[in-house]
C-alpha cells in the first residue's frame, strides 16, 4: 500500500465515523508520524509504506476513530508559533488563548525584567510563550496538578526558556509576592457544558475544564485575590468563555483598586479576554 492509498482509505473510515475533517486528519496522521510538514506530503504519496509504519498508522487511526484528539495522538500541539508536548494530563492549547498572550505582550512591551505570573498553567503554553517571545521577563507559573507541571517543565526545556513552576492552588505558592502582570486561563465550562462535551474535549482533564455550576467559580476567587498580588500599575488578563466577558469584567473592575479595565476580542470576534490595571 502506498502512502496515498492509505490516506484515501483512512479518510473513508473517518468519514464513516462522522469526522468532519476526515481528509485533514488522515493527512496529518501521516505527517505527524513521518515528521513532515503538510506541504511535503505529496512527495511521498506514491511511495510504498513500510510494514512497521503501516501498523503504527493503523494504531493511530484507531485512536482517532475512538474520538481521541489528534494532538494527543501526535503528542504535540502548536501555540504562538511554538511546539508543545501534550498528552491527556493537560488541556490542549487553543488558538483562542493566543489572544491573551498577544495582549499580554502588548502591555509588557518595553518592560525590563518584569515579573509575570501564569495561573492554571497546564502545559505551560502561556508562560513559556511569553518568556520565549519577550526575553528578559521573569516568569512564574502555578498549577494544582503535579502531572501538568511535569508536562510544563518538559515544554520549557523543549522551548529553551526558564519558568519557575510551582504546585498549588492559584496564588497559594506565591503568597506575599507581587507581579507586573498576572495571566490566567482558568476552567470556565458550566455544569451544562460538561454534560454536552464534544468527544474530543471529553478526553481532556476535567479539572482544567469545569468552572463550577455557572462557569464563574474561579473568576470570583480571582477577583477577591488578584489585587493583592499586582504591583501598582500592574495588569491582569483572563481568558473567558463565550458570553462570560461582561460578568467577569464586572467582577474584576468593581474593586476600588481597579484603575482601568476592558475586553479584547479574538479572531472570530468573541470577547475572549478581560483585562484590568491596578492603581
C-alpha atoms as a PDB file:
ATOM      1  CA  UNK A   1       0.000   0.000   0.000  1.00  0.00           C
ATOM      2  CA  UNK A   2       1.275   3.479  -0.835  1.00  0.00           C
ATOM      3  CA  UNK A   3       1.013   6.463   1.453  1.00  0.00           C
ATOM      4  CA  UNK A   4      -1.579   7.981  -0.864  1.00  0.00           C
ATOM      5  CA  UNK A   5      -3.684   4.821  -0.790  1.00  0.00           C
ATOM      6  CA  UNK A   6      -3.565   4.711   2.999  1.00  0.00           C
ATOM      7  CA  UNK A   7      -4.662   8.355   3.241  1.00  0.00           C
ATOM      8  CA  UNK A   8      -7.627   7.666   0.953  1.00  0.00           C
ATOM      9  CA  UNK A   9      -8.661   4.582   2.954  1.00  0.00           C
ATOM     10  CA  UNK A  10      -8.224   6.381   6.285  1.00  0.00           C
ATOM     11  CA  UNK A  11     -10.281   9.307   5.062  1.00  0.00           C
ATOM     12  CA  UNK A  12     -13.110   6.975   4.109  1.00  0.00           C
ATOM     13  CA  UNK A  13     -13.073   5.358   7.569  1.00  0.00           C
ATOM     14  CA  UNK A  14     -13.044   8.724   9.310  1.00  0.00           C
ATOM     15  CA  UNK A  15     -15.916   9.969   7.150  1.00  0.00           C
ATOM     16  CA  UNK A  16     -17.978   6.896   8.017  1.00  0.00           C
ATOM     17  CA  UNK A  17     -17.313   7.673  11.691  1.00  0.00           C
ATOM     18  CA  UNK A  18     -18.697  11.196  11.194  1.00  0.00           C
ATOM     19  CA  UNK A  19     -15.401  13.078  11.303  1.00  0.00           C
ATOM     20  CA  UNK A  20     -15.972  16.458   9.563  1.00  0.00           C
ATOM     21  CA  UNK A  21     -12.220  16.899   8.924  1.00  0.00           C
ATOM     22  CA  UNK A  22     -11.509  13.388   7.651  1.00  0.00           C
ATOM     23  CA  UNK A  23      -9.157  14.385   4.829  1.00  0.00           C
ATOM     24  CA  UNK A  24      -7.166  16.761   7.019  1.00  0.00           C
ATOM     25  CA  UNK A  25      -6.895  14.269   9.885  1.00  0.00           C
ATOM     26  CA  UNK A  26      -5.793  11.425   7.584  1.00  0.00           C
ATOM     27  CA  UNK A  27      -3.061  13.604   6.108  1.00  0.00           C
ATOM     28  CA  UNK A  28      -1.940  14.909   9.492  1.00  0.00           C
ATOM     29  CA  UNK A  29      -1.642  11.388  10.905  1.00  0.00           C
ATOM     30  CA  UNK A  30       0.893  10.610   8.191  1.00  0.00           C
ATOM     31  CA  UNK A  31       2.682  13.940   8.561  1.00  0.00           C
ATOM     32  CA  UNK A  32       2.975  13.510  12.322  1.00  0.00           C
ATOM     33  CA  UNK A  33       4.433  10.023  12.154  1.00  0.00           C
ATOM     34  CA  UNK A  34       6.788  10.854   9.269  1.00  0.00           C
ATOM     35  CA  UNK A  35       7.777  14.253  10.720  1.00  0.00           C
ATOM     36  CA  UNK A  36       6.687  16.050   7.552  1.00  0.00           C
ATOM     37  CA  UNK A  37       5.195  19.479   7.042  1.00  0.00           C
ATOM     38  CA  UNK A  38       1.887  19.075   5.123  1.00  0.00           C
ATOM     39  CA  UNK A  39       3.299  20.811   2.070  1.00  0.00           C
ATOM     40  CA  UNK A  40       5.793  17.976   1.549  1.00  0.00           C
ATOM     41  CA  UNK A  41       3.282  15.150   1.852  1.00  0.00           C
ATOM     42  CA  UNK A  42       2.684  14.980  -1.919  1.00  0.00           C
ATOM     43  CA  UNK A  43       6.293  13.911  -2.368  1.00  0.00           C
ATOM     44  CA  UNK A  44       5.754  10.567  -0.642  1.00  0.00           C
ATOM     45  CA  UNK A  45       2.172   9.741  -1.668  1.00  0.00           C
ATOM     46  CA  UNK A  46       3.335   7.391  -4.426  1.00  0.00           C
ATOM     47  CA  UNK A  47       5.840   5.555  -2.233  1.00  0.00           C
ATOM     48  CA  UNK A  48       5.211   2.148  -0.725  1.00  0.00           C
ATOM     49  CA  UNK A  49       4.619   2.275   3.015  1.00  0.00           C
ATOM     50  CA  UNK A  50       6.914   0.137   5.218  1.00  0.00           C
ATOM     51  CA  UNK A  51       5.030  -2.527   7.182  1.00  0.00           C
ATOM     52  CA  UNK A  52       6.066  -1.231  10.598  1.00  0.00           C
ATOM     53  CA  UNK A  53       4.957   2.287   9.740  1.00  0.00           C
ATOM     54  CA  UNK A  54       1.664   0.970   8.364  1.00  0.00           C
ATOM     55  CA  UNK A  55       0.985  -0.865  11.612  1.00  0.00           C
ATOM     56  CA  UNK A  56       1.663   2.255  13.681  1.00  0.00           C
ATOM     57  CA  UNK A  57      -0.550   4.408  11.471  1.00  0.00           C
ATOM     58  CA  UNK A  58      -3.373   1.886  11.878  1.00  0.00           C
ATOM     59  CA  UNK A  59      -2.989   2.115  15.666  1.00  0.00           C
ATOM     60  CA  UNK A  60      -3.119   5.904  15.493  1.00  0.00           C
ATOM     61  CA  UNK A  61      -6.122   5.812  13.192  1.00  0.00           C
ATOM     62  CA  UNK A  62      -7.965   3.553  15.655  1.00  0.00           C
ATOM     63  CA  UNK A  63      -7.304   6.096  18.409  1.00  0.00           C
ATOM     64  CA  UNK A  64      -8.637   8.914  16.235  1.00  0.00           C
ATOM     65  CA  UNK A  65     -11.704   6.872  15.309  1.00  0.00           C
ATOM     66  CA  UNK A  66     -12.401   6.448  19.034  1.00  0.00           C
ATOM     67  CA  UNK A  67     -12.547  10.261  19.369  1.00  0.00           C
ATOM     68  CA  UNK A  68      -9.128  10.890  20.907  1.00  0.00           C
ATOM     69  CA  UNK A  69      -7.822  14.346  19.918  1.00  0.00           C
ATOM     70  CA  UNK A  70      -5.240  14.386  17.150  1.00  0.00           C
ATOM     71  CA  UNK A  71      -2.885  16.411  19.346  1.00  0.00           C
ATOM     72  CA  UNK A  72      -2.785  13.663  21.979  1.00  0.00           C
ATOM     73  CA  UNK A  73      -2.171  11.042  19.320  1.00  0.00           C
ATOM     74  CA  UNK A  74       0.693  13.071  17.852  1.00  0.00           C
ATOM     75  CA  UNK A  75       1.923  14.152  21.285  1.00  0.00           C
ATOM     76  CA  UNK A  76       2.247  17.760  20.167  1.00  0.00           C
ATOM     77  CA  UNK A  77       0.332  20.995  19.663  1.00  0.00           C
ATOM     78  CA  UNK A  78       1.352  24.375  18.262  1.00  0.00           C
ATOM     79  CA  UNK A  79       0.719  27.669  20.045  1.00  0.00           C
ATOM     80  CA  UNK A  80       2.059  31.150  19.262  1.00  0.00           C
ATOM     81  CA  UNK A  81       4.253  29.524  16.619  1.00  0.00           C
ATOM     82  CA  UNK A  82       5.914  27.248  19.186  1.00  0.00           C
ATOM     83  CA  UNK A  83       5.713  23.479  19.608  1.00  0.00           C
ATOM     84  CA  UNK A  84       4.417  21.989  22.864  1.00  0.00           C
ATOM     85  CA  UNK A  85       4.309  18.407  24.073  1.00  0.00           C
ATOM     86  CA  UNK A  86       0.763  17.477  25.128  1.00  0.00           C
ATOM     87  CA  UNK A  87      -0.986  14.378  26.401  1.00  0.00           C
ATOM     88  CA  UNK A  88      -4.066  13.547  28.449  1.00  0.00           C
ATOM     89  CA  UNK A  89      -2.527  15.176  31.546  1.00  0.00           C
ATOM     90  CA  UNK A  90      -3.036  18.684  30.139  1.00  0.00           C
ATOM     91  CA  UNK A  91      -5.514  20.824  28.246  1.00  0.00           C
ATOM     92  CA  UNK A  92      -4.661  21.220  24.565  1.00  0.00           C
ATOM     93  CA  UNK A  93      -3.528  24.821  23.843  1.00  0.00           C
ATOM     94  CA  UNK A  94      -6.009  26.574  21.565  1.00  0.00           C
ATOM     95  CA  UNK A  95      -5.778  29.468  19.132  1.00  0.00           C
ATOM     96  CA  UNK A  96      -8.359  31.419  21.159  1.00  0.00           C
ATOM     97  CA  UNK A  97      -5.847  31.657  24.007  1.00  0.00           C
ATOM     98  CA  UNK A  98      -3.287  33.308  21.740  1.00  0.00           C
ATOM     99  CA  UNK A  99      -5.391  36.464  22.132  1.00  0.00           C
ATOM    100  CA  UNK A 100      -4.446  36.560  25.809  1.00  0.00           C
ATOM    101  CA  UNK A 101      -0.744  36.086  25.048  1.00  0.00           C
ATOM    102  CA  UNK A 102      -0.721  38.728  22.344  1.00  0.00           C
ATOM    103  CA  UNK A 103      -2.423  41.284  24.571  1.00  0.00           C
ATOM    104  CA  UNK A 104      -0.090  40.488  27.471  1.00  0.00           C
ATOM    105  CA  UNK A 105       2.937  41.033  25.244  1.00  0.00           C
ATOM    106  CA  UNK A 106       1.467  44.372  24.144  1.00  0.00           C
ATOM    107  CA  UNK A 107       1.080  45.518  27.755  1.00  0.00           C
ATOM    108  CA  UNK A 108       4.574  44.272  28.672  1.00  0.00           C
ATOM    109  CA  UNK A 109       6.359  45.815  25.694  1.00  0.00           C
ATOM    110  CA  UNK A 110       9.246  47.930  26.923  1.00  0.00           C
ATOM    111  CA  UNK A 111       9.300  46.450  30.433  1.00  0.00           C
ATOM    112  CA  UNK A 112      12.751  45.277  31.523  1.00  0.00           C
ATOM    113  CA  UNK A 113      12.833  42.412  33.993  1.00  0.00           C
ATOM    114  CA  UNK A 114       9.073  42.465  34.514  1.00  0.00           C
ATOM    115  CA  UNK A 115       7.726  39.752  36.807  1.00  0.00           C
ATOM    116  CA  UNK A 116       4.901  37.696  35.291  1.00  0.00           C
ATOM    117  CA  UNK A 117       2.690  35.039  36.881  1.00  0.00           C
ATOM    118  CA  UNK A 118       0.686  32.461  34.923  1.00  0.00           C
ATOM    119  CA  UNK A 119      -2.057  30.759  36.950  1.00  0.00           C
ATOM    120  CA  UNK A 120      -3.550  27.363  35.978  1.00  0.00           C
ATOM    121  CA  UNK A 121      -0.572  26.922  33.657  1.00  0.00           C
ATOM    122  CA  UNK A 122      -1.384  23.397  32.422  1.00  0.00           C
ATOM    123  CA  UNK A 123       1.003  22.612  29.558  1.00  0.00           C
ATOM    124  CA  UNK A 124       2.835  25.876  30.291  1.00  0.00           C
ATOM    125  CA  UNK A 125       1.864  27.281  26.879  1.00  0.00           C
ATOM    126  CA  UNK A 126       1.087  30.813  28.104  1.00  0.00           C
ATOM    127  CA  UNK A 127       4.036  31.180  30.469  1.00  0.00           C
ATOM    128  CA  UNK A 128       6.530  29.659  28.037  1.00  0.00           C
ATOM    129  CA  UNK A 129       5.285  31.660  25.044  1.00  0.00           C
ATOM    130  CA  UNK A 130       5.571  34.943  26.931  1.00  0.00           C
ATOM    131  CA  UNK A 131       9.051  34.034  28.193  1.00  0.00           C
ATOM    132  CA  UNK A 132      10.211  32.952  24.748  1.00  0.00           C
ATOM    133  CA  UNK A 133       8.719  35.852  22.778  1.00  0.00           C
ATOM    134  CA  UNK A 134       9.833  38.605  25.157  1.00  0.00           C
ATOM    135  CA  UNK A 135      13.229  37.671  26.589  1.00  0.00           C
ATOM    136  CA  UNK A 136      14.169  39.283  29.893  1.00  0.00           C
ATOM    137  CA  UNK A 137      10.870  38.671  31.676  1.00  0.00           C
ATOM    138  CA  UNK A 138      10.906  36.749  34.944  1.00  0.00           C
ATOM    139  CA  UNK A 139       8.084  34.258  34.603  1.00  0.00           C
ATOM    140  CA  UNK A 140       6.495  32.084  37.280  1.00  0.00           C
ATOM    141  CA  UNK A 141       3.596  29.659  36.913  1.00  0.00           C
ATOM    142  CA  UNK A 142       1.361  27.633  39.213  1.00  0.00           C
ATOM    143  CA  UNK A 143      -0.958  24.670  38.826  1.00  0.00           C
ATOM    144  CA  UNK A 144      -2.721  22.243  41.150  1.00  0.00           C
ATOM    145  CA  UNK A 145      -1.679  19.230  39.094  1.00  0.00           C
ATOM    146  CA  UNK A 146       1.780  17.725  39.505  1.00  0.00           C
ATOM    147  CA  UNK A 147       1.187  15.831  36.245  1.00  0.00           C
ATOM    148  CA  UNK A 148       0.531  19.073  34.384  1.00  0.00           C
ATOM    149  CA  UNK A 149       3.635  20.678  35.867  1.00  0.00           C
ATOM    150  CA  UNK A 150       5.705  17.732  34.670  1.00  0.00           C
ATOM    151  CA  UNK A 151       4.500  18.374  31.107  1.00  0.00           C
ATOM    152  CA  UNK A 152       5.059  22.135  31.507  1.00  0.00           C
ATOM    153  CA  UNK A 153       8.643  21.597  32.675  1.00  0.00           C
ATOM    154  CA  UNK A 154       9.284  19.403  29.639  1.00  0.00           C
ATOM    155  CA  UNK A 155       7.897  22.150  27.412  1.00  0.00           C
ATOM    156  CA  UNK A 156      10.077  24.836  28.982  1.00  0.00           C
ATOM    157  CA  UNK A 157      13.120  22.684  28.211  1.00  0.00           C
ATOM    158  CA  UNK A 158      11.821  21.993  24.691  1.00  0.00           C
ATOM    159  CA  UNK A 159      11.490  25.737  24.024  1.00  0.00           C
ATOM    160  CA  UNK A 160      14.709  26.790  25.728  1.00  0.00           C
ATOM    161  CA  UNK A 161      13.298  29.022  28.470  1.00  0.00           C
ATOM    162  CA  UNK A 162      13.269  29.084  32.252  1.00  0.00           C
ATOM    163  CA  UNK A 163       9.958  29.344  34.089  1.00  0.00           C
ATOM    164  CA  UNK A 164       9.602  28.977  37.861  1.00  0.00           C
ATOM    165  CA  UNK A 165       6.930  26.293  38.142  1.00  0.00           C
ATOM    166  CA  UNK A 166       5.173  25.736  41.481  1.00  0.00           C
ATOM    167  CA  UNK A 167       2.426  23.358  42.572  1.00  0.00           C
ATOM    168  CA  UNK A 168      -0.525  24.782  44.439  1.00  0.00           C
ATOM    169  CA  UNK A 169      -3.973  26.356  44.290  1.00  0.00           C
ATOM    170  CA  UNK A 170      -3.921  29.656  42.356  1.00  0.00           C
ATOM    171  CA  UNK A 171      -1.877  32.186  44.409  1.00  0.00           C
ATOM    172  CA  UNK A 172      -1.045  29.799  47.266  1.00  0.00           C
ATOM    173  CA  UNK A 173       2.560  29.107  46.122  1.00  0.00           C
ATOM    174  CA  UNK A 174       3.320  32.841  45.709  1.00  0.00           C
ATOM    175  CA  UNK A 175       1.884  34.164  48.975  1.00  0.00           C
ATOM    176  CA  UNK A 176       3.256  37.651  49.645  1.00  0.00           C
ATOM    177  CA  UNK A 177       4.626  38.132  46.123  1.00  0.00           C
ATOM    178  CA  UNK A 178       3.539  40.822  43.661  1.00  0.00           C
ATOM    179  CA  UNK A 179       3.791  40.844  39.879  1.00  0.00           C
ATOM    180  CA  UNK A 180       3.766  43.277  36.977  1.00  0.00           C
ATOM    181  CA  UNK A 181       1.387  41.003  35.084  1.00  0.00           C
ATOM    182  CA  UNK A 182      -0.843  38.089  36.047  1.00  0.00           C
ATOM    183  CA  UNK A 183      -2.210  35.852  33.296  1.00  0.00           C
ATOM    184  CA  UNK A 184      -4.824  33.151  33.665  1.00  0.00           C
ATOM    185  CA  UNK A 185      -6.879  30.800  31.510  1.00  0.00           C
ATOM    186  CA  UNK A 186      -8.947  29.187  34.280  1.00  0.00           C
ATOM    187  CA  UNK A 187     -11.504  26.389  33.949  1.00  0.00           C
ATOM    188  CA  UNK A 188     -14.721  28.095  32.797  1.00  0.00           C
ATOM    189  CA  UNK A 189     -17.129  25.474  31.448  1.00  0.00           C
ATOM    190  CA  UNK A 190     -20.514  25.307  33.167  1.00  0.00           C
ATOM    191  CA  UNK A 191     -22.200  22.204  34.574  1.00  0.00           C
ATOM    192  CA  UNK A 192     -24.391  22.116  31.462  1.00  0.00           C
ATOM    193  CA  UNK A 193     -21.335  22.437  29.202  1.00  0.00           C
ATOM    194  CA  UNK A 194     -19.759  19.434  30.913  1.00  0.00           C
ATOM    195  CA  UNK A 195     -22.810  17.283  30.149  1.00  0.00           C
ATOM    196  CA  UNK A 196     -22.642  18.145  26.435  1.00  0.00           C
ATOM    197  CA  UNK A 197     -18.894  17.969  25.779  1.00  0.00           C
ATOM    198  CA  UNK A 198     -17.648  17.020  22.338  1.00  0.00           C
ATOM    199  CA  UNK A 199     -15.998  13.597  22.320  1.00  0.00           C
ATOM    200  CA  UNK A 200     -12.540  15.105  21.831  1.00  0.00           C
ATOM    201  CA  UNK A 201     -12.947  17.647  24.643  1.00  0.00           C
ATOM    202  CA  UNK A 202     -14.167  14.917  26.998  1.00  0.00           C
ATOM    203  CA  UNK A 203     -10.684  13.365  26.687  1.00  0.00           C
ATOM    204  CA  UNK A 204      -9.114  16.431  28.323  1.00  0.00           C
ATOM    205  CA  UNK A 205      -8.636  16.779  32.115  1.00  0.00           C
ATOM    206  CA  UNK A 206     -11.910  17.619  33.850  1.00  0.00           C
ATOM    207  CA  UNK A 207     -10.137  19.813  36.398  1.00  0.00           C
ATOM    208  CA  UNK A 208      -8.877  22.018  33.542  1.00  0.00           C
ATOM    209  CA  UNK A 209     -12.396  22.451  32.138  1.00  0.00           C
ATOM    210  CA  UNK A 210     -15.041  22.708  34.874  1.00  0.00           C
ATOM    211  CA  UNK A 211     -15.565  26.162  36.344  1.00  0.00           C
ATOM    212  CA  UNK A 212     -18.477  25.420  38.675  1.00  0.00           C
ATOM    213  CA  UNK A 213     -22.223  25.456  38.092  1.00  0.00           C
ATOM    214  CA  UNK A 214     -22.196  28.729  36.129  1.00  0.00           C
ATOM    215  CA  UNK A 215     -18.553  28.575  34.981  1.00  0.00           C
ATOM    216  CA  UNK A 216     -17.554  31.606  37.057  1.00  0.00           C
ATOM    217  CA  UNK A 217     -16.251  29.972  40.237  1.00  0.00           C
ATOM    218  CA  UNK A 218     -12.589  30.702  39.552  1.00  0.00           C
ATOM    219  CA  UNK A 219     -13.230  34.293  38.430  1.00  0.00           C
ATOM    220  CA  UNK A 220     -14.910  35.066  41.757  1.00  0.00           C
ATOM    221  CA  UNK A 221     -11.870  33.747  43.585  1.00  0.00           C
ATOM    222  CA  UNK A 222      -9.505  35.640  41.303  1.00  0.00           C
ATOM    223  CA  UNK A 223     -11.423  38.902  41.750  1.00  0.00           C
ATOM    224  CA  UNK A 224     -11.051  38.523  45.509  1.00  0.00           C
ATOM    225  CA  UNK A 225      -7.295  37.816  45.442  1.00  0.00           C
ATOM    226  CA  UNK A 226      -5.730  39.278  42.309  1.00  0.00           C
ATOM    227  CA  UNK A 227      -5.147  42.865  43.501  1.00  0.00           C
ATOM    228  CA  UNK A 228      -3.117  41.662  46.470  1.00  0.00           C
ATOM    229  CA  UNK A 229      -0.638  40.196  44.003  1.00  0.00           C
ATOM    230  CA  UNK A 230      -0.426  43.033  41.456  1.00  0.00           C
ATOM    231  CA  UNK A 231       2.167  45.765  41.674  1.00  0.00           C
ATOM    232  CA  UNK A 232       0.877  49.345  41.294  1.00  0.00           C
ATOM    233  CA  UNK A 233       0.076  49.814  37.616  1.00  0.00           C
ATOM    234  CA  UNK A 234       0.242  46.064  37.014  1.00  0.00           C
ATOM    235  CA  UNK A 235      -2.038  44.239  34.616  1.00  0.00           C
ATOM    236  CA  UNK A 236      -4.074  41.047  34.941  1.00  0.00           C
ATOM    237  CA  UNK A 237      -5.572  39.261  31.944  1.00  0.00           C
ATOM    238  CA  UNK A 238      -8.092  36.430  31.991  1.00  0.00           C
ATOM    239  CA  UNK A 239      -9.445  34.254  29.204  1.00  0.00           C
ATOM    240  CA  UNK A 240     -13.225  33.887  29.383  1.00  0.00           C
ATOM    241  CA  UNK A 241     -15.801  31.659  27.732  1.00  0.00           C
ATOM    242  CA  UNK A 242     -18.394  32.765  25.199  1.00  0.00           C
ATOM    243  CA  UNK A 243     -20.847  35.178  26.819  1.00  0.00           C
ATOM    244  CA  UNK A 244     -18.901  35.484  30.094  1.00  0.00           C
ATOM    245  CA  UNK A 245     -16.957  38.689  29.423  1.00  0.00           C
ATOM    246  CA  UNK A 246     -19.486  41.191  30.812  1.00  0.00           C
ATOM    247  CA  UNK A 247     -19.904  39.413  34.142  1.00  0.00           C
ATOM    248  CA  UNK A 248     -16.184  38.727  34.573  1.00  0.00           C
ATOM    249  CA  UNK A 249     -15.424  42.364  33.724  1.00  0.00           C
ATOM    250  CA  UNK A 250     -17.894  43.450  36.406  1.00  0.00           C
ATOM    251  CA  UNK A 251     -16.358  41.097  38.979  1.00  0.00           C
ATOM    252  CA  UNK A 252     -12.840  42.323  38.272  1.00  0.00           C
ATOM    253  CA  UNK A 253     -13.483  46.052  37.880  1.00  0.00           C
ATOM    254  CA  UNK A 254     -15.779  46.757  40.851  1.00  0.00           C
ATOM    255  CA  UNK A 255     -12.777  46.652  43.204  1.00  0.00           C
ATOM    256  CA  UNK A 256     -11.555  50.097  44.316  1.00  0.00           C
ATOM    257  CA  UNK A 257      -8.014  49.081  43.326  1.00  0.00           C
ATOM    258  CA  UNK A 258      -9.032  48.871  39.644  1.00  0.00           C
ATOM    259  CA  UNK A 259      -7.650  51.815  37.661  1.00  0.00           C
ATOM    260  CA  UNK A 260      -8.775  50.634  34.220  1.00  0.00           C
ATOM    261  CA  UNK A 261     -10.364  47.602  32.601  1.00  0.00           C
ATOM    262  CA  UNK A 262     -11.567  46.303  29.265  1.00  0.00           C
ATOM    263  CA  UNK A 263     -12.050  43.355  26.950  1.00  0.00           C
ATOM    264  CA  UNK A 264     -10.297  42.047  23.836  1.00  0.00           C
ATOM    265  CA  UNK A 265     -11.940  40.106  21.006  1.00  0.00           C
ATOM    266  CA  UNK A 266     -10.437  37.012  19.430  1.00  0.00           C
ATOM    267  CA  UNK A 267     -10.190  36.482  15.661  1.00  0.00           C
ATOM    268  CA  UNK A 268     -13.818  35.274  15.280  1.00  0.00           C
ATOM    269  CA  UNK A 269     -14.980  38.406  17.136  1.00  0.00           C
ATOM    270  CA  UNK A 270     -15.797  36.846  20.525  1.00  0.00           C
ATOM    271  CA  UNK A 271     -14.877  38.863  23.635  1.00  0.00           C
ATOM    272  CA  UNK A 272     -12.211  36.398  24.789  1.00  0.00           C
ATOM    273  CA  UNK A 273     -10.017  38.337  27.224  1.00  0.00           C
ATOM    274  CA  UNK A 274     -10.859  40.541  30.200  1.00  0.00           C
ATOM    275  CA  UNK A 275      -8.054  42.785  31.453  1.00  0.00           C
ATOM    276  CA  UNK A 276      -7.623  45.078  34.438  1.00  0.00           C
ATOM    277  CA  UNK A 277      -4.926  47.506  35.583  1.00  0.00           C
ATOM    278  CA  UNK A 278      -4.182  48.070  39.257  1.00  0.00           C
ATOM    279  CA  UNK A 279      -3.856  51.514  40.836  1.00  0.00           C
END
